[in-house]
Amino acid sequence: MKSILLDQARWDEAWDEDRVVLTRLRRNGDVPDIIRPVDVSFRGDLTDLQRVAEASANWGFEVLELIEKDADGKPWLFLVRPQKTDDETMREMAITYLQIEDAFSVRCDGWGCLATNERGPIDDTNPSEYRENCGGIPVSGPVANEVERAKATLDLIRDEGSDLTVARHVVYFFYGDDLDALAEELRSLGLQVHRKGDEQYWHVDKRHRSIAETGRDVEWLVSTDCLMADRSEIIDEPWRTSTLRDLYLLAEKHNAIMDGWHAQLD
């Protein structure tokens, strides 16, 4: 299939919807780098859907099911292929299904997959659980993943020669649609909170530029309300399994996302 110039409005609509699904997956403990079956469905005339089915192998898909008449009497095509769910891979899939829409006069009806970790699909027999006691409090999903990931970050900071027994400047980044209540609770914990227009907010702009330079999607970051919270503190193992854990849980409590932290090096 020849490259097709995508309609910007349709791209924005599709990618906004995809980001909602990706956020839900990650909140359920999904590990994006794990390859798993991802299905995508299309609606349209039966003849057009049959053409898509015949050509689907060109994009690595297999036909999962072609329903000639569903409960509403309309045809429905389901394709599936193995892939990751990281942003880069999912953007590529979005481009693919939008090009299929234009080339075959069909409409993508969404995609889906099971939240998956290193042991397989996440379910009652394979819960997304932290692999060790997290300060005596059980946590799961993305909170567990982020707290565990911080262990390697602390090791890296230590290997760079920093003394983790010394207090240092630490910045935390939060994103969401309504952050007022979260901001007040962060202040009550002794953190300085900065929002757009504040002098210290340049830390956020600098971080966005850094993310964009790595090729990661930064659109949702700059279009979503953001605040940064900072203070001087010791970052060690007790901090990782208590303070850091509690900040991620606090973000979840306020339906926000804590998207990482930065610490000053010695």
C-alpha atoms as a PDB file:
ATOM      1  CA  MET A   1       0.000   0.000   0.000  1.00  0.00           C
ATOM      2  CA  LYS A   2       1.384   3.406  -0.921  1.00  0.00           C
ATOM      3  CA  SER A   3       2.005   5.982   1.788  1.00  0.00           C
ATOM      4  CA  ILE A   4      -1.081   8.102   2.376  1.00  0.00           C
ATOM      5  CA  LEU A   5      -1.094  11.600   3.834  1.00  0.00           C
ATOM      6  CA  LEU A   6      -3.209  11.355   6.970  1.00  0.00           C
ATOM      7  CA  ASP A   7      -6.000  13.775   7.807  1.00  0.00           C
ATOM      8  CA  GLN A   8      -4.768  15.716  10.854  1.00  0.00           C
ATOM      9  CA  ALA A   9      -8.175  15.915  12.520  1.00  0.00           C
ATOM     10  CA  ARG A  10      -8.699  12.154  12.159  1.00  0.00           C
ATOM     11  CA  TRP A  11      -5.178  11.495  13.476  1.00  0.00           C
ATOM     12  CA  ASP A  12      -5.770  13.696  16.530  1.00  0.00           C
ATOM     13  CA  GLU A  13      -9.080  11.952  17.226  1.00  0.00           C
ATOM     14  CA  ALA A  14      -7.593   8.459  16.870  1.00  0.00           C
ATOM     15  CA  TRP A  15      -4.435   9.113  18.883  1.00  0.00           C
ATOM     16  CA  ASP A  16      -6.377  10.789  21.713  1.00  0.00           C
ATOM     17  CA  GLU A  17      -8.562   7.675  21.951  1.00  0.00           C
ATOM     18  CA  ASP A  18      -5.514   5.398  21.813  1.00  0.00           C
ATOM     19  CA  ARG A  19      -3.797   7.283  24.637  1.00  0.00           C
ATOM     20  CA  VAL A  20      -6.831   6.677  26.856  1.00  0.00           C
ATOM     21  CA  VAL A  21      -6.549   2.918  26.232  1.00  0.00           C
ATOM     22  CA  LEU A  22      -2.780   2.975  26.813  1.00  0.00           C
ATOM     23  CA  THR A  23      -3.172   4.847  30.097  1.00  0.00           C
ATOM     24  CA  ARG A  24      -5.760   2.324  31.275  1.00  0.00           C
ATOM     25  CA  LEU A  25      -3.461  -0.565  30.347  1.00  0.00           C
ATOM     26  CA  ARG A  26      -0.516   0.890  32.250  1.00  0.00           C
ATOM     27  CA  ARG A  27      -2.621   1.628  35.300  1.00  0.00           C
ATOM     28  CA  ASN A  28      -3.518  -2.075  35.265  1.00  0.00           C
ATOM     29  CA  GLY A  29       0.155  -3.010  35.399  1.00  0.00           C
ATOM     30  CA  ASP A  30       0.826  -3.577  31.700  1.00  0.00           C
ATOM     31  CA  VAL A  31       4.501  -3.823  30.726  1.00  0.00           C
ATOM     32  CA  PRO A  32       4.708  -2.111  27.282  1.00  0.00           C
ATOM     33  CA  ASP A  33       7.844  -3.932  26.105  1.00  0.00           C
ATOM     34  CA  ILE A  34       6.181  -7.360  26.284  1.00  0.00           C
ATOM     35  CA  ILE A  35       5.004  -8.736  22.926  1.00  0.00           C
ATOM     36  CA  ARG A  36       1.408  -9.976  23.030  1.00  0.00           C
ATOM     37  CA  PRO A  37      -1.564 -10.357  20.603  1.00  0.00           C
ATOM     38  CA  VAL A  38      -3.168  -6.993  19.799  1.00  0.00           C
ATOM     39  CA  ASP A  39      -6.434  -7.024  17.858  1.00  0.00           C
ATOM     40  CA  VAL A  40      -7.930  -4.236  15.780  1.00  0.00           C
ATOM     41  CA  SER A  41     -11.419  -4.152  14.289  1.00  0.00           C
ATOM     42  CA  PHE A  42     -12.958  -2.440  11.257  1.00  0.00           C
ATOM     43  CA  ARG A  43     -16.469  -1.557  10.129  1.00  0.00           C
ATOM     44  CA  GLY A  44     -17.651  -0.984   6.576  1.00  0.00           C
ATOM     45  CA  ASP A  45     -19.232  -2.678   3.573  1.00  0.00           C
ATOM     46  CA  LEU A  46     -18.692  -6.433   3.519  1.00  0.00           C
ATOM     47  CA  THR A  47     -16.880  -6.282   0.156  1.00  0.00           C
ATOM     48  CA  ASP A  48     -14.440  -3.663   1.480  1.00  0.00           C
ATOM     49  CA  LEU A  49     -13.824  -5.614   4.678  1.00  0.00           C
ATOM     50  CA  GLN A  50     -13.116  -8.755   2.644  1.00  0.00           C
ATOM     51  CA  ARG A  51     -10.505  -6.781   0.680  1.00  0.00           C
ATOM     52  CA  VAL A  52      -8.876  -5.690   3.951  1.00  0.00           C
ATOM     53  CA  ALA A  53      -8.863  -9.290   5.181  1.00  0.00           C
ATOM     54  CA  GLU A  54      -7.175 -10.486   1.997  1.00  0.00           C
ATOM     55  CA  ALA A  55      -4.476  -7.813   2.272  1.00  0.00           C
ATOM     56  CA  SER A  56      -4.022  -7.955   6.076  1.00  0.00           C
ATOM     57  CA  ALA A  57      -0.862 -10.081   5.953  1.00  0.00           C
ATOM     58  CA  ASN A  58       0.926  -7.129   4.342  1.00  0.00           C
ATOM     59  CA  TRP A  59       0.951  -5.449   7.764  1.00  0.00           C
ATOM     60  CA  GLY A  60       1.634  -8.599   9.775  1.00  0.00           C
ATOM     61  CA  PHE A  61      -2.008  -9.233  10.682  1.00  0.00           C
ATOM     62  CA  GLU A  62      -3.993 -12.447  10.679  1.00  0.00           C
ATOM     63  CA  VAL A  63      -7.762 -12.556  10.334  1.00  0.00           C
ATOM     64  CA  LEU A  64      -9.217 -13.240  13.751  1.00  0.00           C
ATOM     65  CA  GLU A  65     -12.823 -13.179  12.590  1.00  0.00           C
ATOM     66  CA  LEU A  66     -14.952 -11.784   9.774  1.00  0.00           C
ATOM     67  CA  ILE A  67     -18.578 -11.439  10.834  1.00  0.00           C
ATOM     68  CA  GLU A  68     -20.875 -10.982   7.845  1.00  0.00           C
ATOM     69  CA  LYS A  69     -23.805  -9.908  10.042  1.00  0.00           C
ATOM     70  CA  ASP A  70     -23.602  -8.984  13.715  1.00  0.00           C
ATOM     71  CA  ALA A  71     -26.593  -8.512  16.030  1.00  0.00           C
ATOM     72  CA  ASP A  72     -27.393  -5.293  14.153  1.00  0.00           C
ATOM     73  CA  GLY A  73     -27.045  -6.945  10.761  1.00  0.00           C
ATOM     74  CA  LYS A  74     -23.721  -5.205   9.991  1.00  0.00           C
ATOM     75  CA  PRO A  75     -20.377  -6.752   8.979  1.00  0.00           C
ATOM     76  CA  TRP A  76     -17.382  -6.603  11.326  1.00  0.00           C
ATOM     77  CA  LEU A  77     -13.728  -7.554  10.747  1.00  0.00           C
ATOM     78  CA  PHE A  78     -11.237  -8.435  13.481  1.00  0.00           C
ATOM     79  CA  LEU A  79      -7.487  -8.631  12.790  1.00  0.00           C
ATOM     80  CA  VAL A  80      -4.696  -9.569  15.185  1.00  0.00           C
ATOM     81  CA  ARG A  81      -0.900  -9.445  15.273  1.00  0.00           C
ATOM     82  CA  PRO A  82       1.811  -9.827  17.937  1.00  0.00           C
ATOM     83  CA  GLN A  83       3.433  -6.575  19.064  1.00  0.00           C
ATOM     84  CA  LYS A  84       4.438  -4.358  21.973  1.00  0.00           C
ATOM     85  CA  THR A  85       2.293  -1.551  23.384  1.00  0.00           C
ATOM     86  CA  ASP A  86       4.929   1.153  23.856  1.00  0.00           C
ATOM     87  CA  ASP A  87       4.149   4.595  22.423  1.00  0.00           C
ATOM     88  CA  GLU A  88       6.336   4.203  19.325  1.00  0.00           C
ATOM     89  CA  THR A  89       4.811   0.845  18.360  1.00  0.00           C
ATOM     90  CA  MET A  90       1.258   2.029  18.976  1.00  0.00           C
ATOM     91  CA  ARG A  91       1.769   5.209  16.950  1.00  0.00           C
ATOM     92  CA  GLU A  92       2.958   3.014  14.073  1.00  0.00           C
ATOM     93  CA  MET A  93      -0.143   0.831  14.411  1.00  0.00           C
ATOM     94  CA  ALA A  94      -2.382   3.912  14.477  1.00  0.00           C
ATOM     95  CA  ILE A  95      -0.794   5.153  11.253  1.00  0.00           C
ATOM     96  CA  THR A  96      -1.353   1.708   9.736  1.00  0.00           C
ATOM     97  CA  TYR A  97      -5.046   1.446  10.604  1.00  0.00           C
ATOM     98  CA  LEU A  98      -5.691   5.017   9.437  1.00  0.00           C
ATOM     99  CA  GLN A  99      -4.023   4.268   6.107  1.00  0.00           C
ATOM    100  CA  ILE A 100      -6.187   1.139   5.828  1.00  0.00           C
ATOM    101  CA  GLU A 101      -9.244   3.320   6.453  1.00  0.00           C
ATOM    102  CA  ASP A 102      -8.341   5.617   3.557  1.00  0.00           C
ATOM    103  CA  ALA A 103      -7.215   2.904   1.146  1.00  0.00           C
ATOM    104  CA  PHE A 104     -10.212   0.578   1.634  1.00  0.00           C
ATOM    105  CA  SER A 105     -13.030   2.982   2.609  1.00  0.00           C
ATOM    106  CA  VAL A 106     -13.533   1.330   6.011  1.00  0.00           C
ATOM    107  CA  ARG A 107     -13.492   2.660   9.570  1.00  0.00           C
ATOM    108  CA  CYS A 108     -11.350   1.406  12.443  1.00  0.00           C
ATOM    109  CA  ASP A 109     -13.595   0.501  15.371  1.00  0.00           C
ATOM    110  CA  GLY A 110     -10.832   0.355  17.968  1.00  0.00           C
ATOM    111  CA  TRP A 111      -8.159  -2.038  19.212  1.00  0.00           C
ATOM    112  CA  GLY A 112      -7.541  -4.028  22.330  1.00  0.00           C
ATOM    113  CA  CYS A 113      -5.293  -6.456  24.161  1.00  0.00           C
ATOM    114  CA  LEU A 114      -4.813  -7.990  27.591  1.00  0.00           C
ATOM    115  CA  ALA A 115      -2.699  -6.140  30.153  1.00  0.00           C
ATOM    116  CA  THR A 116       0.463  -8.245  30.253  1.00  0.00           C
ATOM    117  CA  ASN A 117       3.548  -8.544  32.433  1.00  0.00           C
ATOM    118  CA  GLU A 118       6.670 -10.703  32.243  1.00  0.00           C
ATOM    119  CA  ARG A 119       4.690 -13.784  33.300  1.00  0.00           C
ATOM    120  CA  GLY A 120       1.845 -13.386  30.799  1.00  0.00           C
ATOM    121  CA  PRO A 121      -1.658 -11.872  30.798  1.00  0.00           C
ATOM    122  CA  ILE A 122      -2.589 -10.217  34.103  1.00  0.00           C
ATOM    123  CA  ASP A 123      -5.508 -11.968  35.804  1.00  0.00           C
ATOM    124  CA  ASP A 124      -6.445 -13.601  39.119  1.00  0.00           C
ATOM    125  CA  THR A 125      -3.822 -16.306  38.630  1.00  0.00           C
ATOM    126  CA  ASN A 126      -1.159 -13.795  37.522  1.00  0.00           C
ATOM    127  CA  PRO A 127      -1.836 -10.573  39.445  1.00  0.00           C
ATOM    128  CA  SER A 128       0.189  -7.448  38.857  1.00  0.00           C
ATOM    129  CA  GLU A 129       1.886  -7.502  42.222  1.00  0.00           C
ATOM    130  CA  TYR A 130       5.056  -5.959  43.548  1.00  0.00           C
ATOM    131  CA  ARG A 131       7.809  -8.548  43.773  1.00  0.00           C
ATOM    132  CA  GLU A 132       8.825  -7.622  47.306  1.00  0.00           C
ATOM    133  CA  ASN A 133       7.350  -5.988  50.374  1.00  0.00           C
ATOM    134  CA  CYS A 134       6.954  -2.266  49.654  1.00  0.00           C
ATOM    135  CA  GLY A 135       7.457  -0.777  53.100  1.00  0.00           C
ATOM    136  CA  GLY A 136       4.991  -3.310  54.487  1.00  0.00           C
ATOM    137  CA  ILE A 137       2.170  -2.017  52.264  1.00  0.00           C
ATOM    138  CA  PRO A 138       1.080  -4.128  49.265  1.00  0.00           C
ATOM    139  CA  VAL A 139       0.917  -2.171  46.019  1.00  0.00           C
ATOM    140  CA  SER A 140       0.286  -3.289  42.450  1.00  0.00           C
ATOM    141  CA  GLY A 141       0.105  -2.102  38.870  1.00  0.00           C
ATOM    142  CA  PRO A 142       2.069   0.952  37.739  1.00  0.00           C
ATOM    143  CA  VAL A 143       2.810   2.073  41.302  1.00  0.00           C
ATOM    144  CA  ALA A 144       4.602  -1.211  41.940  1.00  0.00           C
ATOM    145  CA  ASN A 145       6.444  -0.970  38.635  1.00  0.00           C
ATOM    146  CA  GLU A 146       7.604   2.610  39.247  1.00  0.00           C
ATOM    147  CA  VAL A 147       8.728   1.960  42.822  1.00  0.00           C
ATOM    148  CA  GLU A 148      10.631  -1.121  41.711  1.00  0.00           C
ATOM    149  CA  ARG A 149      12.189   0.781  38.791  1.00  0.00           C
ATOM    150  CA  ALA A 150      13.455   3.404  41.237  1.00  0.00           C
ATOM    151  CA  LYS A 151      15.727   0.792  42.797  1.00  0.00           C
ATOM    152  CA  ALA A 152      17.849   0.718  39.627  1.00  0.00           C
ATOM    153  CA  THR A 153      17.823   4.526  39.487  1.00  0.00           C
ATOM    154  CA  LEU A 154      19.158   4.766  43.037  1.00  0.00           C
ATOM    155  CA  ASP A 155      21.884   2.247  42.166  1.00  0.00           C
ATOM    156  CA  LEU A 156      22.833   4.378  39.157  1.00  0.00           C
ATOM    157  CA  ILE A 157      22.982   7.560  41.250  1.00  0.00           C
ATOM    158  CA  ARG A 158      25.143   5.760  43.793  1.00  0.00           C
ATOM    159  CA  ASP A 159      27.439   4.430  41.058  1.00  0.00           C
ATOM    160  CA  GLU A 160      27.902   8.005  39.818  1.00  0.00           C
ATOM    161  CA  GLY A 161      29.518   8.780  43.176  1.00  0.00           C
ATOM    162  CA  SER A 162      26.621  10.445  44.978  1.00  0.00           C
ATOM    163  CA  ASP A 163      26.216   9.943  48.728  1.00  0.00           C
ATOM    164  CA  LEU A 164      22.632   8.839  49.300  1.00  0.00           C
ATOM    165  CA  THR A 165      22.835   9.715  52.992  1.00  0.00           C
ATOM    166  CA  VAL A 166      22.984  13.418  52.060  1.00  0.00           C
ATOM    167  CA  ALA A 167      19.775  15.370  51.405  1.00  0.00           C
ATOM    168  CA  ARG A 168      19.378  16.663  47.855  1.00  0.00           C
ATOM    169  CA  HIS A 169      16.886  18.598  45.721  1.00  0.00           C
ATOM    170  CA  VAL A 170      14.179  16.267  44.341  1.00  0.00           C
ATOM    171  CA  VAL A 171      11.492  17.261  41.813  1.00  0.00           C
ATOM    172  CA  TYR A 172       8.286  15.270  41.166  1.00  0.00           C
ATOM    173  CA  PHE A 173       6.060  15.735  38.071  1.00  0.00           C
ATOM    174  CA  PHE A 174       2.270  15.322  38.093  1.00  0.00           C
ATOM    175  CA  TYR A 175      -0.276  15.483  35.238  1.00  0.00           C
ATOM    176  CA  GLY A 176      -4.065  15.508  35.258  1.00  0.00           C
ATOM    177  CA  ASP A 177      -7.237  17.412  34.428  1.00  0.00           C
ATOM    178  CA  ASP A 178      -7.878  18.883  37.905  1.00  0.00           C
ATOM    179  CA  LEU A 179      -4.833  19.160  40.169  1.00  0.00           C
ATOM    180  CA  ASP A 180      -6.026  21.717  42.751  1.00  0.00           C
ATOM    181  CA  ALA A 181      -6.776  19.206  45.520  1.00  0.00           C
ATOM    182  CA  LEU A 182      -3.554  17.312  44.797  1.00  0.00           C
ATOM    183  CA  ALA A 183      -1.561  20.559  44.974  1.00  0.00           C
ATOM    184  CA  GLU A 184      -3.012  21.373  48.400  1.00  0.00           C
ATOM    185  CA  GLU A 185      -2.224  17.917  49.761  1.00  0.00           C
ATOM    186  CA  LEU A 186       1.338  18.090  48.428  1.00  0.00           C
ATOM    187  CA  ARG A 187       1.815  21.437  50.168  1.00  0.00           C
ATOM    188  CA  SER A 188       0.534  19.896  53.411  1.00  0.00           C
ATOM    189  CA  LEU A 189       3.324  17.315  53.093  1.00  0.00           C
ATOM    190  CA  GLY A 190       5.931  20.059  52.966  1.00  0.00           C
ATOM    191  CA  LEU A 191       6.536  20.169  49.215  1.00  0.00           C
ATOM    192  CA  GLN A 192       6.829  23.387  47.229  1.00  0.00           C
ATOM    193  CA  VAL A 193       4.303  23.270  44.375  1.00  0.00           C
ATOM    194  CA  HIS A 194       4.806  25.107  41.081  1.00  0.00           C
ATOM    195  CA  ARG A 195       2.356  25.448  38.182  1.00  0.00           C
ATOM    196  CA  LYS A 196       2.315  27.128  34.793  1.00  0.00           C
ATOM    197  CA  GLY A 197       3.369  30.760  35.153  1.00  0.00           C
ATOM    198  CA  ASP A 198       5.493  30.130  38.255  1.00  0.00           C
ATOM    199  CA  GLU A 199       9.172  31.009  38.055  1.00  0.00           C
ATOM    200  CA  GLN A 200      10.286  27.464  38.833  1.00  0.00           C
ATOM    201  CA  TYR A 201       8.060  25.930  36.151  1.00  0.00           C
ATOM    202  CA  TRP A 202      10.992  26.046  33.703  1.00  0.00           C
ATOM    203  CA  HIS A 203      11.963  22.631  35.087  1.00  0.00           C
ATOM    204  CA  VAL A 204       8.839  21.214  33.376  1.00  0.00           C
ATOM    205  CA  ASP A 205       9.562  22.912  30.038  1.00  0.00           C
ATOM    206  CA  LYS A 206      13.136  21.621  30.139  1.00  0.00           C
ATOM    207  CA  ARG A 207      11.875  18.114  30.888  1.00  0.00           C
ATOM    208  CA  HIS A 208       9.391  18.232  27.992  1.00  0.00           C
ATOM    209  CA  ARG A 209      12.175  19.195  25.598  1.00  0.00           C
ATOM    210  CA  SER A 210      14.300  16.339  26.900  1.00  0.00           C
ATOM    211  CA  ILE A 211      11.446  13.849  26.382  1.00  0.00           C
ATOM    212  CA  ALA A 212      10.789  15.141  22.871  1.00  0.00           C
ATOM    213  CA  GLU A 213      14.481  14.715  21.978  1.00  0.00           C
ATOM    214  CA  THR A 214      14.259  10.997  22.817  1.00  0.00           C
ATOM    215  CA  GLY A 215      11.444  10.585  20.299  1.00  0.00           C
ATOM    216  CA  ARG A 216       8.781   9.875  22.935  1.00  0.00           C
ATOM    217  CA  ASP A 217       5.302  11.321  22.505  1.00  0.00           C
ATOM    218  CA  VAL A 218       5.157  14.651  24.321  1.00  0.00           C
ATOM    219  CA  GLU A 219       1.807  15.936  22.997  1.00  0.00           C
ATOM    220  CA  TRP A 220      -0.256  14.744  25.949  1.00  0.00           C
ATOM    221  CA  LEU A 221       2.312  16.185  28.370  1.00  0.00           C
ATOM    222  CA  VAL A 222       2.115  19.740  27.092  1.00  0.00           C
ATOM    223  CA  SER A 223      -1.663  19.669  26.517  1.00  0.00           C
ATOM    224  CA  THR A 224      -2.492  18.348  30.009  1.00  0.00           C
ATOM    225  CA  ASP A 225      -2.391  20.403  33.199  1.00  0.00           C
ATOM    226  CA  CYS A 226       0.905  19.858  34.995  1.00  0.00           C
ATOM    227  CA  LEU A 227       2.456  20.743  38.304  1.00  0.00           C
ATOM    228  CA  MET A 228       5.867  20.068  39.776  1.00  0.00           C
ATOM    229  CA  ALA A 229       6.534  19.587  43.462  1.00  0.00           C
ATOM    230  CA  ASP A 230       9.977  19.745  45.020  1.00  0.00           C
ATOM    231  CA  ARG A 231      11.857  19.731  48.308  1.00  0.00           C
ATOM    232  CA  SER A 232      15.213  18.730  49.761  1.00  0.00           C
ATOM    233  CA  GLU A 233      15.281  15.172  51.126  1.00  0.00           C
ATOM    234  CA  ILE A 234      17.331  12.016  51.424  1.00  0.00           C
ATOM    235  CA  ILE A 235      16.589   9.486  48.685  1.00  0.00           C
ATOM    236  CA  ASP A 236      17.479   6.017  49.909  1.00  0.00           C
ATOM    237  CA  GLU A 237      15.824   2.626  50.247  1.00  0.00           C
ATOM    238  CA  PRO A 238      13.365   3.740  52.979  1.00  0.00           C
ATOM    239  CA  TRP A 239      12.472   6.773  50.787  1.00  0.00           C
ATOM    240  CA  ARG A 240      11.846   4.474  47.799  1.00  0.00           C
ATOM    241  CA  THR A 241       9.482   2.149  49.662  1.00  0.00           C
ATOM    242  CA  SER A 242       7.659   4.837  51.630  1.00  0.00           C
ATOM    243  CA  THR A 243       7.836   8.441  50.395  1.00  0.00           C
ATOM    244  CA  LEU A 244       8.032   7.601  46.692  1.00  0.00           C
ATOM    245  CA  ARG A 245       5.396   4.889  47.036  1.00  0.00           C
ATOM    246  CA  ASP A 246       3.034   7.266  48.858  1.00  0.00           C
ATOM    247  CA  LEU A 247       3.419  10.019  46.229  1.00  0.00           C
ATOM    248  CA  TYR A 248       2.456   7.610  43.432  1.00  0.00           C
ATOM    249  CA  LEU A 249      -0.521   6.435  45.496  1.00  0.00           C
ATOM    250  CA  LEU A 250      -1.470  10.051  46.227  1.00  0.00           C
ATOM    251  CA  ALA A 251      -1.526  10.799  42.494  1.00  0.00           C
ATOM    252  CA  GLU A 252      -3.840   7.820  41.915  1.00  0.00           C
ATOM    253  CA  LYS A 253      -6.093   9.023  44.739  1.00  0.00           C
ATOM    254  CA  HIS A 254      -6.589  12.322  42.870  1.00  0.00           C
ATOM    255  CA  ASN A 255      -6.999  10.640  39.459  1.00  0.00           C
ATOM    256  CA  ALA A 256      -3.690  12.097  38.297  1.00  0.00           C
ATOM    257  CA  ILE A 257      -0.475  10.633  36.943  1.00  0.00           C
ATOM    258  CA  MET A 258       2.883  11.046  38.640  1.00  0.00           C
ATOM    259  CA  ASP A 259       5.190  10.829  35.660  1.00  0.00           C
ATOM    260  CA  GLY A 260       8.618  10.509  37.189  1.00  0.00           C
ATOM    261  CA  TRP A 261      11.040  12.424  39.389  1.00  0.00           C
ATOM    262  CA  HIS A 262      14.437  14.090  39.131  1.00  0.00           C
ATOM    263  CA  ALA A 263      17.136  14.268  41.808  1.00  0.00           C
ATOM    264  CA  GLN A 264      20.133  16.577  41.987  1.00  0.00           C
ATOM    265  CA  LEU A 265      23.468  14.778  41.819  1.00  0.00           C
ATOM    266  CA  ASP A 266      26.487  15.594  44.019  1.00  0.00           C
END
